[in-house]
Amino acid sequence: MIGKLNHVAIVVPDLAAATAIYRDTLGARVSEPLELPEHGVVTVFVELPNTKIELLYPLGEESPIARFLENNPAGGVHHLCYEVADIRAAAEKMRAAGARVLGDIRIGAHNKPVLFLHPKDFCGTLVELEQA
């Protein structure tokens, strides 16, 4: 059911510094920061030949990413995003299999429908599914 790995999301305590590491030190192409108020984050995408790295920074004190940084002050891997052909069918299949879908289908950073799956159902990893 899942397709290719779309991105690995990393929460960072300093978005400018993290962007500089990927752009200047590693020589990667990075996007401009994009505020996503509905998700409570600012995001930067690092373009790689085979996937992307998403750098996440909290947008406001109520951001779920702010809570992540309280527990992980240096930041860290937040989630893995896999592509699916049909997000609604994927949600139904996940629920039928007993997996916990977190919240509703929303529009993500790529302007495509996304949903999240509970980490306890996926080997301790938060999983995002994005419609390809």
Protein backbone atom coordinates (compact mmCIF):
# COMPACT_ATOMS: atom_id res chain seq x y z
CA MET A 1 0.00 0.00 0.00
CA ILE A 2 2.70 2.55 0.88
CA GLY A 3 4.75 4.05 -1.85
CA LYS A 4 8.08 5.80 -1.70
CA LEU A 5 9.48 7.59 1.32
CA ASN A 6 8.47 11.22 0.82
CA HIS A 7 10.44 12.74 3.68
CA VAL A 8 11.97 12.37 7.12
CA ALA A 9 10.92 15.17 9.48
CA ILE A 10 13.40 16.51 12.03
CA VAL A 11 12.42 18.97 14.76
CA VAL A 12 15.11 21.62 15.25
CA PRO A 13 15.63 24.20 18.03
CA ASP A 14 17.07 26.77 15.59
CA LEU A 15 15.65 26.72 12.06
CA ALA A 16 18.19 29.17 10.60
CA ALA A 17 21.14 27.20 12.00
CA ALA A 18 19.73 23.87 10.82
CA THR A 19 19.04 25.30 7.36
CA ALA A 20 22.62 26.58 7.19
CA ILE A 21 24.01 23.16 8.12
CA TYR A 22 22.17 21.45 5.29
CA ARG A 23 22.73 24.27 2.75
CA ASP A 24 26.24 25.47 3.58
CA THR A 25 27.93 22.50 5.22
CA LEU A 26 26.30 19.63 3.32
CA GLY A 27 25.67 21.54 0.09
CA ALA A 28 21.98 20.65 -0.21
CA ARG A 29 19.29 22.72 -1.86
CA VAL A 30 16.82 24.01 0.73
CA SER A 31 13.46 25.74 0.41
CA GLU A 32 12.44 29.01 1.96
CA PRO A 33 10.74 28.70 5.36
CA LEU A 34 6.99 28.13 5.09
CA GLU A 35 4.62 28.86 7.99
CA LEU A 36 1.82 26.33 8.40
CA PRO A 37 -0.43 27.78 11.14
CA GLU A 38 -2.93 24.89 10.88
CA HIS A 39 -0.12 22.50 11.85
CA GLY A 40 1.63 24.89 14.26
CA VAL A 41 4.98 24.69 12.48
CA VAL A 42 7.43 26.48 10.25
CA THR A 43 8.96 24.07 7.77
CA VAL A 44 11.96 24.01 5.45
CA PHE A 45 12.47 21.20 2.96
CA VAL A 46 15.94 19.91 2.13
CA GLU A 47 15.91 18.43 -1.38
CA LEU A 48 17.86 15.19 -1.85
CA PRO A 49 18.13 13.07 -5.01
CA ASN A 50 15.94 10.30 -3.58
CA THR A 51 13.80 11.98 -0.88
CA LYS A 52 13.50 15.09 1.29
CA ILE A 53 14.34 16.10 4.85
CA GLU A 54 11.74 18.33 6.49
CA LEU A 55 13.10 20.67 9.15
CA LEU A 56 10.35 21.58 11.62
CA TYR A 57 10.29 24.51 14.02
CA PRO A 58 7.42 25.49 16.34
CA LEU A 59 5.04 28.23 15.28
CA GLY A 60 3.80 29.52 18.62
CA GLU A 61 3.82 28.12 22.13
CA GLU A 62 0.84 25.81 21.48
CA SER A 63 2.64 24.01 18.66
CA PRO A 64 2.94 20.23 19.13
CA ILE A 65 6.53 20.72 18.03
CA ALA A 66 7.13 23.05 21.01
CA ARG A 67 6.20 20.18 23.32
CA PHE A 68 8.53 17.87 21.37
CA LEU A 69 11.41 20.34 21.91
CA GLU A 70 10.66 20.56 25.65
CA ASN A 71 11.30 16.81 25.84
CA ASN A 72 14.12 16.85 23.27
CA PRO A 73 15.93 20.23 23.57
CA ALA A 74 18.46 19.35 20.85
CA GLY A 75 15.67 18.30 18.47
CA GLY A 76 15.43 14.96 16.73
CA VAL A 77 13.57 12.80 14.25
CA HIS A 78 9.84 13.49 14.50
CA HIS A 79 8.17 11.37 11.81
CA LEU A 80 8.50 9.48 8.54
CA CYS A 81 6.22 10.34 5.62
CA TYR A 82 5.22 7.74 3.04
CA GLU A 83 3.24 8.34 -0.13
CA VAL A 84 -0.07 6.58 -0.80
CA ALA A 85 -2.20 6.62 -3.92
CA ASP A 86 -5.50 7.27 -2.11
CA ILE A 87 -5.46 8.86 1.35
CA ARG A 88 -9.09 8.00 2.15
CA ALA A 89 -8.63 4.35 1.21
CA ALA A 90 -5.41 4.28 3.26
CA ALA A 91 -7.24 5.72 6.29
CA GLU A 92 -9.99 3.11 5.98
CA LYS A 93 -7.46 0.30 5.62
CA MET A 94 -5.50 1.52 8.66
CA ARG A 95 -8.63 1.72 10.82
CA ALA A 96 -9.79 -1.72 9.64
CA ALA A 97 -6.37 -3.11 10.60
CA GLY A 98 -6.69 -1.60 14.09
CA ALA A 99 -4.20 1.23 13.60
CA ARG A 100 -4.99 4.55 15.24
CA VAL A 101 -5.41 7.42 12.79
CA LEU A 102 -4.65 10.68 14.59
CA GLY A 103 -7.15 13.40 13.77
CA ASP A 104 -8.67 14.05 10.38
CA ILE A 105 -7.20 14.19 6.91
CA ARG A 106 -5.69 17.66 6.44
CA ILE A 107 -3.76 19.51 3.78
CA GLY A 108 -0.02 19.26 4.38
CA ALA A 109 3.02 21.30 3.44
CA HIS A 110 2.94 20.08 -0.19
CA ASN A 111 -0.73 21.11 -0.56
CA LYS A 112 -1.72 17.44 -0.60
CA PRO A 113 -3.95 15.51 1.81
CA VAL A 114 -2.11 13.96 4.77
CA LEU A 115 -2.89 12.00 7.90
CA PHE A 116 -0.85 10.76 10.85
CA LEU A 117 -0.72 7.31 12.45
CA HIS A 118 -0.05 6.66 16.13
CA PRO A 119 3.58 5.74 16.87
CA LYS A 120 2.57 2.92 19.22
CA ASP A 121 1.09 1.12 16.22
CA PHE A 122 4.23 1.54 14.07
CA CYS A 123 7.29 0.43 16.01
CA GLY A 124 7.46 3.64 18.05
CA THR A 125 7.54 5.90 14.97
CA LEU A 126 5.02 8.58 14.11
CA VAL A 127 3.99 7.95 10.51
CA GLU A 128 2.56 10.49 8.09
CA LEU A 129 0.79 9.33 4.95
CA GLU A 130 0.60 11.78 2.04
CA GLN A 131 -1.49 11.33 -1.06
CA ALA A 132 0.84 11.14 -4.06
